Amino acid sequence: MPSPHHRLAHRTLVFPWRWLAWLAYLVLVFGPVLALAYEAVFVPGSAGDGGWALVIPSGRRLGLMLNSLGLAAAVALVGMLLGGLVALFLIQWNRGAWVYLRWLALVLAPLPLYVHALAWSTSLPLQGWLGSVWVQVMGLAPVAVGITLVGLASVEPLLVDAARLARSDMAGLRRVVLPLAGPTLMA
């Protein structure tokens, strides 16, 4: 076991790098959006007369943004439920070659969404909002299943076994597995 002095020295060496990593993350994620907002609002002539109109949507742009947010929320919710159900089924394959075959769903992850759109439009008469949700859920399902499998696999099997001894499978899932795998599942 490392001495307290060793842990303090390690923490002192890691601490500045951790803040530097967070700063780099914030700049990479929020930098482009902040730069566009700054240019739209404060740089004369870059966005015409109404720079704030680009930052704060109204009218038709507000409707488009709300429709996009609704579509994204529907895809996320349906994808999370579908990914969770499929992963709960696949996580039971824990013997022999089945352990590796359950990750086969990730092979379909790089398939572009337009291929899914073409395939589903020829087999089902889906159009409009419902068709968009269906195609996006099916296109992103391998990613949802993979992330859910990682989250479920991160739970210690002994805790699951202990929960199954004390309660029903659903209670063990609800009280042990989901809280422990929750952060990964929310991804």
N, C-alpha and C. Protein backbone atom coordinates (compact mmCIF):
# COMPACT_ATOMS: atom_id res chain seq x y z
N MET A 1 0.85 -1.18 0.00
CA MET A 1 0.00 0.00 0.00
C MET A 1 0.89 1.23 0.00
N PRO A 2 0.61 2.19 -0.89
CA PRO A 2 1.46 3.37 -0.94
C PRO A 2 1.32 4.21 0.32
N SER A 3 2.41 4.84 0.66
CA SER A 3 2.40 5.68 1.86
C SER A 3 1.60 6.95 1.59
N PRO A 4 1.14 7.62 2.68
CA PRO A 4 0.39 8.87 2.49
C PRO A 4 1.23 9.93 1.78
N HIS A 5 2.55 9.93 2.03
CA HIS A 5 3.41 10.89 1.36
C HIS A 5 3.45 10.63 -0.15
N HIS A 6 3.49 9.34 -0.55
CA HIS A 6 3.50 8.96 -1.95
C HIS A 6 2.19 9.38 -2.63
N ARG A 7 1.05 9.16 -1.95
CA ARG A 7 -0.24 9.55 -2.52
C ARG A 7 -0.33 11.05 -2.68
N LEU A 8 0.20 11.82 -1.71
CA LEU A 8 0.18 13.27 -1.80
C LEU A 8 1.04 13.76 -2.96
N ALA A 9 2.21 13.14 -3.12
CA ALA A 9 3.08 13.52 -4.23
C ALA A 9 2.41 13.20 -5.57
N HIS A 10 1.76 12.05 -5.66
CA HIS A 10 1.07 11.67 -6.89
C HIS A 10 -0.07 12.64 -7.18
N ARG A 11 -0.85 12.99 -6.15
CA ARG A 11 -1.96 13.90 -6.33
C ARG A 11 -1.46 15.28 -6.77
N THR A 12 -0.33 15.73 -6.23
CA THR A 12 0.23 17.01 -6.59
C THR A 12 0.66 17.02 -8.05
N LEU A 13 1.20 15.90 -8.53
CA LEU A 13 1.62 15.82 -9.93
C LEU A 13 0.43 15.74 -10.88
N VAL A 14 -0.64 15.06 -10.48
CA VAL A 14 -1.79 14.85 -11.35
C VAL A 14 -2.71 16.07 -11.35
N PHE A 15 -2.80 16.79 -10.24
CA PHE A 15 -3.77 17.88 -10.08
C PHE A 15 -3.70 18.93 -11.18
N PRO A 16 -2.51 19.50 -11.50
CA PRO A 16 -2.51 20.51 -12.57
C PRO A 16 -2.91 19.94 -13.92
N TRP A 17 -2.55 18.71 -14.20
CA TRP A 17 -2.90 18.10 -15.48
C TRP A 17 -4.40 17.88 -15.60
N ARG A 18 -5.04 17.57 -14.49
CA ARG A 18 -6.48 17.35 -14.50
C ARG A 18 -7.21 18.64 -14.89
N TRP A 19 -6.80 19.76 -14.30
CA TRP A 19 -7.43 21.04 -14.64
C TRP A 19 -7.12 21.44 -16.08
N LEU A 20 -5.93 21.13 -16.53
CA LEU A 20 -5.57 21.42 -17.91
C LEU A 20 -6.42 20.58 -18.88
N ALA A 21 -6.66 19.33 -18.52
CA ALA A 21 -7.50 18.46 -19.35
C ALA A 21 -8.94 18.99 -19.38
N TRP A 22 -9.47 19.43 -18.25
CA TRP A 22 -10.81 19.99 -18.22
C TRP A 22 -10.89 21.25 -19.06
N LEU A 23 -9.89 22.09 -18.97
CA LEU A 23 -9.87 23.32 -19.76
C LEU A 23 -9.85 23.00 -21.26
N ALA A 24 -9.03 22.03 -21.65
CA ALA A 24 -8.98 21.63 -23.06
C ALA A 24 -10.33 21.08 -23.51
N TYR A 25 -10.97 20.30 -22.67
CA TYR A 25 -12.29 19.74 -22.98
C TYR A 25 -13.31 20.86 -23.19
N LEU A 26 -13.36 21.82 -22.28
CA LEU A 26 -14.31 22.92 -22.39
C LEU A 26 -14.07 23.76 -23.64
N VAL A 27 -12.80 24.02 -23.95
CA VAL A 27 -12.48 24.81 -25.15
C VAL A 27 -12.89 24.06 -26.41
N LEU A 28 -12.61 22.75 -26.46
CA LEU A 28 -12.96 21.98 -27.66
C LEU A 28 -14.46 21.81 -27.83
N VAL A 29 -15.20 21.66 -26.73
CA VAL A 29 -16.63 21.42 -26.84
C VAL A 29 -17.41 22.72 -27.02
N PHE A 30 -17.12 23.72 -26.18
CA PHE A 30 -17.92 24.94 -26.21
C PHE A 30 -17.29 26.07 -27.01
N GLY A 31 -16.03 25.94 -27.38
CA GLY A 31 -15.34 27.00 -28.11
C GLY A 31 -16.00 27.38 -29.42
N PRO A 32 -16.30 26.42 -30.30
CA PRO A 32 -16.92 26.79 -31.58
C PRO A 32 -18.28 27.47 -31.42
N VAL A 33 -19.08 27.00 -30.48
CA VAL A 33 -20.40 27.60 -30.28
C VAL A 33 -20.26 29.02 -29.75
N LEU A 34 -19.36 29.20 -28.79
CA LEU A 34 -19.16 30.55 -28.24
C LEU A 34 -18.59 31.49 -29.30
N ALA A 35 -17.71 31.00 -30.16
CA ALA A 35 -17.15 31.85 -31.22
C ALA A 35 -18.23 32.27 -32.20
N LEU A 36 -19.12 31.34 -32.58
CA LEU A 36 -20.21 31.70 -33.49
C LEU A 36 -21.17 32.70 -32.85
N ALA A 37 -21.49 32.47 -31.57
CA ALA A 37 -22.39 33.40 -30.88
C ALA A 37 -21.74 34.78 -30.77
N TYR A 38 -20.46 34.83 -30.48
CA TYR A 38 -19.77 36.11 -30.38
C TYR A 38 -19.80 36.83 -31.72
N GLU A 39 -19.50 36.11 -32.79
CA GLU A 39 -19.48 36.72 -34.11
C GLU A 39 -20.87 37.20 -34.53
N ALA A 40 -21.89 36.42 -34.22
CA ALA A 40 -23.25 36.80 -34.61
C ALA A 40 -23.74 38.02 -33.86
N VAL A 41 -23.29 38.19 -32.63
CA VAL A 41 -23.82 39.27 -31.81
C VAL A 41 -22.96 40.52 -31.86
N PHE A 42 -21.65 40.37 -31.81
CA PHE A 42 -20.79 41.52 -31.60
C PHE A 42 -20.00 42.00 -32.82
N VAL A 43 -19.85 41.19 -33.84
CA VAL A 43 -19.09 41.61 -35.02
C VAL A 43 -20.04 42.27 -36.00
N PRO A 44 -19.83 43.58 -36.28
CA PRO A 44 -20.78 44.28 -37.16
C PRO A 44 -20.75 43.73 -38.59
N GLY A 45 -21.93 43.55 -39.15
CA GLY A 45 -22.06 43.11 -40.53
C GLY A 45 -21.91 41.62 -40.75
N SER A 46 -21.56 40.85 -39.73
CA SER A 46 -21.36 39.42 -39.96
C SER A 46 -22.68 38.68 -40.07
N ALA A 47 -23.68 39.14 -39.37
CA ALA A 47 -24.96 38.43 -39.39
C ALA A 47 -26.09 39.34 -39.84
N GLY A 48 -25.77 40.39 -40.54
CA GLY A 48 -26.81 41.32 -40.94
C GLY A 48 -27.20 42.21 -39.77
N ASP A 49 -28.43 42.68 -39.77
CA ASP A 49 -28.86 43.59 -38.73
C ASP A 49 -29.21 42.88 -37.43
N GLY A 50 -29.77 41.71 -37.49
CA GLY A 50 -30.26 41.03 -36.27
C GLY A 50 -29.35 39.91 -35.85
N GLY A 51 -28.25 40.22 -35.19
CA GLY A 51 -27.34 39.18 -34.71
C GLY A 51 -27.97 38.30 -33.64
N TRP A 52 -28.78 38.91 -32.78
CA TRP A 52 -29.43 38.12 -31.72
C TRP A 52 -30.47 37.17 -32.29
N ALA A 53 -31.00 37.47 -33.46
CA ALA A 53 -32.01 36.59 -34.06
C ALA A 53 -31.42 35.23 -34.40
N LEU A 54 -30.11 35.19 -34.66
CA LEU A 54 -29.47 33.90 -34.92
C LEU A 54 -29.21 33.13 -33.64
N VAL A 55 -29.00 33.87 -32.55
CA VAL A 55 -28.69 33.21 -31.28
C VAL A 55 -29.96 32.75 -30.59
N ILE A 56 -30.99 33.58 -30.58
CA ILE A 56 -32.26 33.26 -29.93
C ILE A 56 -33.30 33.07 -31.03
N PRO A 57 -33.68 31.82 -31.30
CA PRO A 57 -34.59 31.58 -32.42
C PRO A 57 -36.00 32.09 -32.12
N SER A 58 -36.67 32.50 -33.17
CA SER A 58 -38.07 32.92 -33.06
C SER A 58 -38.75 32.58 -34.38
N GLY A 59 -40.06 32.59 -34.34
CA GLY A 59 -40.82 32.32 -35.56
C GLY A 59 -40.60 30.91 -36.09
N ARG A 60 -40.28 30.83 -37.36
CA ARG A 60 -40.09 29.53 -38.01
C ARG A 60 -38.89 28.78 -37.45
N ARG A 61 -37.81 29.52 -37.14
CA ARG A 61 -36.62 28.86 -36.58
C ARG A 61 -36.91 28.25 -35.22
N LEU A 62 -37.74 28.90 -34.42
CA LEU A 62 -38.12 28.35 -33.12
C LEU A 62 -38.91 27.05 -33.31
N GLY A 63 -39.83 27.04 -34.26
CA GLY A 63 -40.58 25.81 -34.54
C GLY A 63 -39.68 24.69 -35.01
N LEU A 64 -38.73 25.00 -35.89
CA LEU A 64 -37.79 23.98 -36.36
C LEU A 64 -36.93 23.45 -35.22
N MET A 65 -36.49 24.35 -34.34
CA MET A 65 -35.68 23.91 -33.21
C MET A 65 -36.49 23.02 -32.27
N LEU A 66 -37.73 23.39 -31.99
CA LEU A 66 -38.56 22.57 -31.10
C LEU A 66 -38.87 21.22 -31.74
N ASN A 67 -39.12 21.20 -33.06
CA ASN A 67 -39.33 19.91 -33.74
C ASN A 67 -38.07 19.05 -33.68
N SER A 68 -36.91 19.66 -33.86
CA SER A 68 -35.65 18.91 -33.80
C SER A 68 -35.41 18.36 -32.40
N LEU A 69 -35.69 19.18 -31.38
CA LEU A 69 -35.53 18.71 -30.00
C LEU A 69 -36.51 17.58 -29.69
N GLY A 70 -37.73 17.69 -30.19
CA GLY A 70 -38.71 16.61 -29.98
C GLY A 70 -38.29 15.32 -30.66
N LEU A 71 -37.79 15.44 -31.89
CA LEU A 71 -37.31 14.26 -32.61
C LEU A 71 -36.13 13.62 -31.88
N ALA A 72 -35.18 14.44 -31.43
CA ALA A 72 -34.02 13.92 -30.71
C ALA A 72 -34.44 13.25 -29.40
N ALA A 73 -35.39 13.85 -28.69
CA ALA A 73 -35.86 13.25 -27.43
C ALA A 73 -36.57 11.93 -27.68
N ALA A 74 -37.39 11.87 -28.73
CA ALA A 74 -38.09 10.62 -29.04
C ALA A 74 -37.11 9.53 -29.44
N VAL A 75 -36.12 9.87 -30.26
CA VAL A 75 -35.12 8.88 -30.68
C VAL A 75 -34.32 8.40 -29.46
N ALA A 76 -33.94 9.34 -28.59
CA ALA A 76 -33.16 8.96 -27.40
C ALA A 76 -33.97 8.06 -26.48
N LEU A 77 -35.22 8.39 -26.25
CA LEU A 77 -36.05 7.59 -25.35
C LEU A 77 -36.31 6.19 -25.91
N VAL A 78 -36.75 6.13 -27.15
CA VAL A 78 -37.03 4.82 -27.77
C VAL A 78 -35.73 4.01 -27.91
N GLY A 79 -34.65 4.68 -28.30
CA GLY A 79 -33.36 3.98 -28.43
C GLY A 79 -32.86 3.45 -27.10
N MET A 80 -33.05 4.24 -26.03
CA MET A 80 -32.62 3.79 -24.71
C MET A 80 -33.43 2.58 -24.26
N LEU A 81 -34.73 2.61 -24.49
CA LEU A 81 -35.57 1.48 -24.10
C LEU A 81 -35.24 0.23 -24.93
N LEU A 82 -35.12 0.40 -26.24
CA LEU A 82 -34.80 -0.73 -27.09
C LEU A 82 -33.41 -1.29 -26.78
N GLY A 83 -32.42 -0.40 -26.65
CA GLY A 83 -31.07 -0.84 -26.32
C GLY A 83 -31.02 -1.56 -24.98
N GLY A 84 -31.78 -1.05 -24.01
CA GLY A 84 -31.81 -1.69 -22.70
C GLY A 84 -32.42 -3.07 -22.74
N LEU A 85 -33.54 -3.20 -23.46
CA LEU A 85 -34.19 -4.52 -23.54
C LEU A 85 -33.31 -5.54 -24.26
N VAL A 86 -32.72 -5.13 -25.38
CA VAL A 86 -31.87 -6.06 -26.13
C VAL A 86 -30.63 -6.42 -25.32
N ALA A 87 -30.04 -5.44 -24.64
CA ALA A 87 -28.83 -5.72 -23.85
C ALA A 87 -29.15 -6.61 -22.66
N LEU A 88 -30.32 -6.44 -22.04
CA LEU A 88 -30.70 -7.33 -20.93
C LEU A 88 -30.86 -8.76 -21.42
N PHE A 89 -31.31 -8.92 -22.64
CA PHE A 89 -31.40 -10.26 -23.22
C PHE A 89 -30.01 -10.81 -23.54
N LEU A 90 -29.15 -9.97 -24.14
CA LEU A 90 -27.83 -10.44 -24.58
C LEU A 90 -26.86 -10.66 -23.42
N ILE A 91 -27.03 -9.96 -22.32
CA ILE A 91 -26.09 -10.09 -21.21
C ILE A 91 -26.20 -11.48 -20.57
N GLN A 92 -27.29 -12.16 -20.84
CA GLN A 92 -27.46 -13.52 -20.30
C GLN A 92 -26.60 -14.53 -21.06
N TRP A 93 -26.12 -14.17 -22.23
CA TRP A 93 -25.24 -15.06 -22.99
C TRP A 93 -23.85 -14.94 -22.42
N ASN A 94 -23.54 -15.71 -21.41
CA ASN A 94 -22.26 -15.56 -20.74
C ASN A 94 -21.44 -16.86 -20.69
N ARG A 95 -21.65 -17.73 -21.64
CA ARG A 95 -20.89 -18.96 -21.67
C ARG A 95 -20.32 -19.19 -23.08
N GLY A 96 -19.07 -19.59 -23.15
CA GLY A 96 -18.44 -19.97 -24.40
C GLY A 96 -18.37 -18.86 -25.43
N ALA A 97 -18.66 -19.24 -26.68
CA ALA A 97 -18.56 -18.29 -27.79
C ALA A 97 -19.67 -17.24 -27.75
N TRP A 98 -20.76 -17.50 -27.02
CA TRP A 98 -21.86 -16.55 -26.93
C TRP A 98 -21.40 -15.22 -26.33
N VAL A 99 -20.39 -15.25 -25.46
CA VAL A 99 -19.88 -14.02 -24.85
C VAL A 99 -19.39 -13.07 -25.93
N TYR A 100 -18.76 -13.61 -26.96
CA TYR A 100 -18.23 -12.78 -28.03
C TYR A 100 -19.29 -12.45 -29.08
N LEU A 101 -20.22 -13.35 -29.29
CA LEU A 101 -21.25 -13.13 -30.30
C LEU A 101 -22.21 -12.00 -29.92
N ARG A 102 -22.37 -11.76 -28.62
CA ARG A 102 -23.29 -10.68 -28.24
C ARG A 102 -22.76 -9.31 -28.63
N TRP A 103 -21.46 -9.20 -28.86
CA TRP A 103 -20.88 -7.92 -29.30
C TRP A 103 -20.95 -7.77 -30.82
N LEU A 104 -21.49 -8.76 -31.50
CA LEU A 104 -21.61 -8.72 -32.95
C LEU A 104 -22.51 -7.58 -33.44
N ALA A 105 -23.40 -7.13 -32.58
CA ALA A 105 -24.29 -6.02 -32.95
C ALA A 105 -23.50 -4.75 -33.27
N LEU A 106 -22.33 -4.60 -32.67
CA LEU A 106 -21.53 -3.40 -32.92
C LEU A 106 -20.96 -3.35 -34.33
N VAL A 107 -20.98 -4.46 -35.05
CA VAL A 107 -20.49 -4.47 -36.42
C VAL A 107 -21.36 -3.57 -37.30
N LEU A 108 -22.63 -3.45 -36.96
CA LEU A 108 -23.55 -2.63 -37.75
C LEU A 108 -23.47 -1.15 -37.39
N ALA A 109 -22.71 -0.78 -36.38
CA ALA A 109 -22.66 0.62 -35.92
C ALA A 109 -22.17 1.59 -36.99
N PRO A 110 -21.15 1.27 -37.80
CA PRO A 110 -20.70 2.26 -38.79
C PRO A 110 -21.57 2.37 -40.04
N LEU A 111 -22.62 1.60 -40.14
CA LEU A 111 -23.50 1.66 -41.30
C LEU A 111 -24.22 3.01 -41.32
N PRO A 112 -24.11 3.78 -42.40
CA PRO A 112 -24.71 5.12 -42.43
C PRO A 112 -26.24 5.07 -42.32
N LEU A 113 -26.80 6.15 -41.76
CA LEU A 113 -28.25 6.20 -41.56
C LEU A 113 -29.03 6.19 -42.87
N TYR A 114 -28.44 6.72 -43.94
CA TYR A 114 -29.20 6.72 -45.20
C TYR A 114 -29.38 5.30 -45.73
N VAL A 115 -28.47 4.38 -45.40
CA VAL A 115 -28.65 2.99 -45.80
C VAL A 115 -29.83 2.39 -45.04
N HIS A 116 -29.93 2.73 -43.75
CA HIS A 116 -31.10 2.29 -42.98
C HIS A 116 -32.38 2.88 -43.55
N ALA A 117 -32.32 4.16 -43.93
CA ALA A 117 -33.50 4.81 -44.49
C ALA A 117 -33.94 4.10 -45.78
N LEU A 118 -32.97 3.78 -46.65
CA LEU A 118 -33.31 3.08 -47.89
C LEU A 118 -33.88 1.69 -47.61
N ALA A 119 -33.25 0.97 -46.69
CA ALA A 119 -33.70 -0.39 -46.39
C ALA A 119 -35.09 -0.40 -45.77
N TRP A 120 -35.33 0.48 -44.80
CA TRP A 120 -36.62 0.48 -44.13
C TRP A 120 -37.73 1.06 -45.02
N SER A 121 -37.38 2.00 -45.90
CA SER A 121 -38.42 2.57 -46.75
C SER A 121 -38.90 1.58 -47.81
N THR A 122 -38.07 0.63 -48.17
CA THR A 122 -38.52 -0.39 -49.13
C THR A 122 -39.32 -1.49 -48.46
N SER A 123 -39.10 -1.72 -47.16
CA SER A 123 -39.81 -2.81 -46.49
C SER A 123 -41.05 -2.34 -45.74
N LEU A 124 -41.05 -1.12 -45.24
CA LEU A 124 -42.20 -0.59 -44.51
C LEU A 124 -42.59 0.77 -45.08
N PRO A 125 -43.87 1.06 -45.16
CA PRO A 125 -44.28 2.37 -45.69
C PRO A 125 -44.21 3.46 -44.61
N LEU A 126 -43.00 3.77 -44.18
CA LEU A 126 -42.83 4.79 -43.14
C LEU A 126 -42.54 6.14 -43.78
N GLN A 127 -43.22 7.14 -43.28
CA GLN A 127 -43.00 8.50 -43.77
C GLN A 127 -43.13 9.47 -42.60
N GLY A 128 -42.63 10.66 -42.80
CA GLY A 128 -42.81 11.73 -41.83
C GLY A 128 -42.03 11.53 -40.54
N TRP A 129 -42.60 12.06 -39.49
CA TRP A 129 -41.94 12.08 -38.19
C TRP A 129 -41.71 10.67 -37.65
N LEU A 130 -42.74 9.81 -37.74
CA LEU A 130 -42.63 8.44 -37.24
C LEU A 130 -41.57 7.66 -38.01
N GLY A 131 -41.51 7.85 -39.32
CA GLY A 131 -40.49 7.19 -40.13
C GLY A 131 -39.10 7.66 -39.76
N SER A 132 -38.94 8.95 -39.50
CA SER A 132 -37.63 9.48 -39.09
C SER A 132 -37.19 8.90 -37.76
N VAL A 133 -38.12 8.83 -36.81
CA VAL A 133 -37.78 8.24 -35.50
C VAL A 133 -37.37 6.79 -35.68
N TRP A 134 -38.15 6.03 -36.45
CA TRP A 134 -37.86 4.61 -36.63
C TRP A 134 -36.49 4.39 -37.27
N VAL A 135 -36.19 5.12 -38.34
CA VAL A 135 -34.92 4.94 -39.04
C VAL A 135 -33.75 5.32 -38.13
N GLN A 136 -33.87 6.42 -37.40
CA GLN A 136 -32.77 6.82 -36.53
C GLN A 136 -32.59 5.84 -35.37
N VAL A 137 -33.68 5.35 -34.81
CA VAL A 137 -33.56 4.37 -33.72
C VAL A 137 -32.90 3.10 -34.24
N MET A 138 -33.31 2.62 -35.40
CA MET A 138 -32.72 1.40 -35.94
C MET A 138 -31.26 1.62 -36.33
N GLY A 139 -30.93 2.81 -36.82
CA GLY A 139 -29.55 3.10 -37.18
C GLY A 139 -28.63 3.22 -35.97
N LEU A 140 -29.17 3.76 -34.89
CA LEU A 140 -28.36 3.95 -33.68
C LEU A 140 -28.51 2.82 -32.67
N ALA A 141 -29.35 1.84 -32.97
CA ALA A 141 -29.57 0.72 -32.04
C ALA A 141 -28.28 -0.04 -31.70
N PRO A 142 -27.39 -0.32 -32.65
CA PRO A 142 -26.16 -1.02 -32.26
C PRO A 142 -25.34 -0.24 -31.23
N VAL A 143 -25.30 1.07 -31.37
CA VAL A 143 -24.56 1.89 -30.40
C VAL A 143 -25.25 1.84 -29.05
N ALA A 144 -26.58 1.94 -29.04
CA ALA A 144 -27.33 1.89 -27.78
C ALA A 144 -27.15 0.54 -27.09
N VAL A 145 -27.20 -0.53 -27.86
CA VAL A 145 -27.01 -1.87 -27.29
C VAL A 145 -25.58 -2.01 -26.76
N GLY A 146 -24.61 -1.54 -27.51
CA GLY A 146 -23.21 -1.64 -27.07
C GLY A 146 -22.94 -0.87 -25.79
N ILE A 147 -23.43 0.36 -25.70
CA ILE A 147 -23.23 1.16 -24.48
C ILE A 147 -23.94 0.51 -23.30
N THR A 148 -25.14 0.00 -23.53
CA THR A 148 -25.88 -0.66 -22.45
C THR A 148 -25.18 -1.94 -22.02
N LEU A 149 -24.63 -2.70 -22.96
CA LEU A 149 -23.88 -3.90 -22.59
C LEU A 149 -22.66 -3.55 -21.75
N VAL A 150 -21.97 -2.49 -22.11
CA VAL A 150 -20.81 -2.06 -21.31
C VAL A 150 -21.25 -1.69 -19.91
N GLY A 151 -22.35 -0.95 -19.79
CA GLY A 151 -22.86 -0.57 -18.47
C GLY A 151 -23.26 -1.77 -17.64
N LEU A 152 -23.96 -2.71 -18.24
CA LEU A 152 -24.38 -3.90 -17.50
C LEU A 152 -23.20 -4.80 -17.15
N ALA A 153 -22.22 -4.87 -18.03
CA ALA A 153 -21.04 -5.70 -17.76
C ALA A 153 -20.17 -5.08 -16.66
N SER A 154 -20.33 -3.78 -16.40
CA SER A 154 -19.51 -3.14 -15.38
C SER A 154 -19.99 -3.44 -13.97
N VAL A 155 -21.18 -4.00 -13.84
CA VAL A 155 -21.72 -4.33 -12.51
C VAL A 155 -21.09 -5.65 -12.05
N GLU A 156 -20.63 -5.64 -10.83
CA GLU A 156 -19.99 -6.84 -10.25
C GLU A 156 -20.99 -8.00 -10.20
N PRO A 157 -20.66 -9.15 -10.79
CA PRO A 157 -21.60 -10.28 -10.81
C PRO A 157 -21.98 -10.78 -9.42
N LEU A 158 -21.08 -10.67 -8.46
CA LEU A 158 -21.41 -11.12 -7.10
C LEU A 158 -22.52 -10.27 -6.49
N LEU A 159 -22.56 -8.98 -6.82
CA LEU A 159 -23.65 -8.13 -6.32
C LEU A 159 -24.98 -8.54 -6.93
N VAL A 160 -24.95 -8.89 -8.21
CA VAL A 160 -26.17 -9.34 -8.87
C VAL A 160 -26.64 -10.65 -8.25
N ASP A 161 -25.72 -11.57 -8.00
CA ASP A 161 -26.08 -12.84 -7.37
C ASP A 161 -26.64 -12.64 -5.97
N ALA A 162 -26.04 -11.73 -5.22
CA ALA A 162 -26.54 -11.44 -3.87
C ALA A 162 -27.93 -10.83 -3.92
N ALA A 163 -28.18 -9.97 -4.88
CA ALA A 163 -29.50 -9.36 -5.02
C ALA A 163 -30.53 -10.41 -5.42
N ARG A 164 -30.14 -11.35 -6.26
CA ARG A 164 -31.07 -12.39 -6.69
C ARG A 164 -31.43 -13.33 -5.55
N LEU A 165 -30.53 -13.49 -4.58
CA LEU A 165 -30.83 -14.33 -3.42
C LEU A 165 -31.85 -13.66 -2.50
N ALA A 166 -31.76 -12.33 -2.38
CA ALA A 166 -32.61 -11.62 -1.44
C ALA A 166 -33.94 -11.18 -2.03
N ARG A 167 -33.98 -10.88 -3.31
CA ARG A 167 -35.19 -10.34 -3.93
C ARG A 167 -35.43 -11.00 -5.29
N SER A 168 -36.51 -10.59 -5.93
CA SER A 168 -36.81 -11.10 -7.26
C SER A 168 -35.83 -10.49 -8.27
N ASP A 169 -35.82 -11.05 -9.47
CA ASP A 169 -34.92 -10.55 -10.51
C ASP A 169 -35.21 -9.09 -10.85
N MET A 170 -36.48 -8.74 -10.93
CA MET A 170 -36.84 -7.35 -11.26
C MET A 170 -36.43 -6.39 -10.15
N ALA A 171 -36.60 -6.80 -8.90
CA ALA A 171 -36.18 -5.94 -7.79
C ALA A 171 -34.66 -5.80 -7.78
N GLY A 172 -33.94 -6.87 -8.07
CA GLY A 172 -32.48 -6.79 -8.15
C GLY A 172 -32.03 -5.89 -9.29
N LEU A 173 -32.72 -5.98 -10.40
CA LEU A 173 -32.41 -5.10 -11.53
C LEU A 173 -32.66 -3.64 -11.15
N ARG A 174 -33.80 -3.38 -10.54
CA ARG A 174 -34.19 -2.02 -10.19
C ARG A 174 -33.34 -1.44 -9.06
N ARG A 175 -32.99 -2.24 -8.07
CA ARG A 175 -32.31 -1.71 -6.88
C ARG A 175 -30.79 -1.84 -6.91
N VAL A 176 -30.26 -2.75 -7.71
CA VAL A 176 -28.80 -2.97 -7.71
C VAL A 176 -28.19 -2.63 -9.07
N VAL A 177 -28.66 -3.31 -10.11
CA VAL A 177 -28.01 -3.19 -11.42
C VAL A 177 -28.18 -1.79 -12.02
N LEU A 178 -29.40 -1.30 -12.08
CA LEU A 178 -29.62 0.01 -12.70
C LEU A 178 -28.93 1.16 -11.98
N PRO A 179 -28.94 1.22 -10.64
CA PRO A 179 -28.18 2.31 -10.00
C PRO A 179 -26.68 2.21 -10.22
N LEU A 180 -26.12 1.00 -10.26
CA LEU A 180 -24.69 0.87 -10.45
C LEU A 180 -24.28 1.12 -11.91
N ALA A 181 -25.11 0.71 -12.83
CA ALA A 181 -24.79 0.92 -14.25
C ALA A 181 -25.39 2.21 -14.78
N GLY A 182 -26.09 2.96 -13.94
CA GLY A 182 -26.81 4.16 -14.35
C GLY A 182 -26.00 5.18 -15.12
N PRO A 183 -24.80 5.57 -14.65
CA PRO A 183 -24.06 6.58 -15.40
C PRO A 183 -23.73 6.16 -16.84
N THR A 184 -23.38 4.90 -17.03
CA THR A 184 -23.08 4.44 -18.38
C THR A 184 -24.36 4.33 -19.20
N LEU A 185 -25.45 3.89 -18.57
CA LEU A 185 -26.71 3.75 -19.30
C LEU A 185 -27.26 5.10 -19.73
N MET A 186 -27.04 6.13 -18.95
CA MET A 186 -27.52 7.45 -19.31
C MET A 186 -26.77 8.03 -20.50
N ALA A 187 -25.60 7.48 -20.80
CA ALA A 187 -24.86 7.95 -21.97
C ALA A 187 -25.65 7.64 -23.23
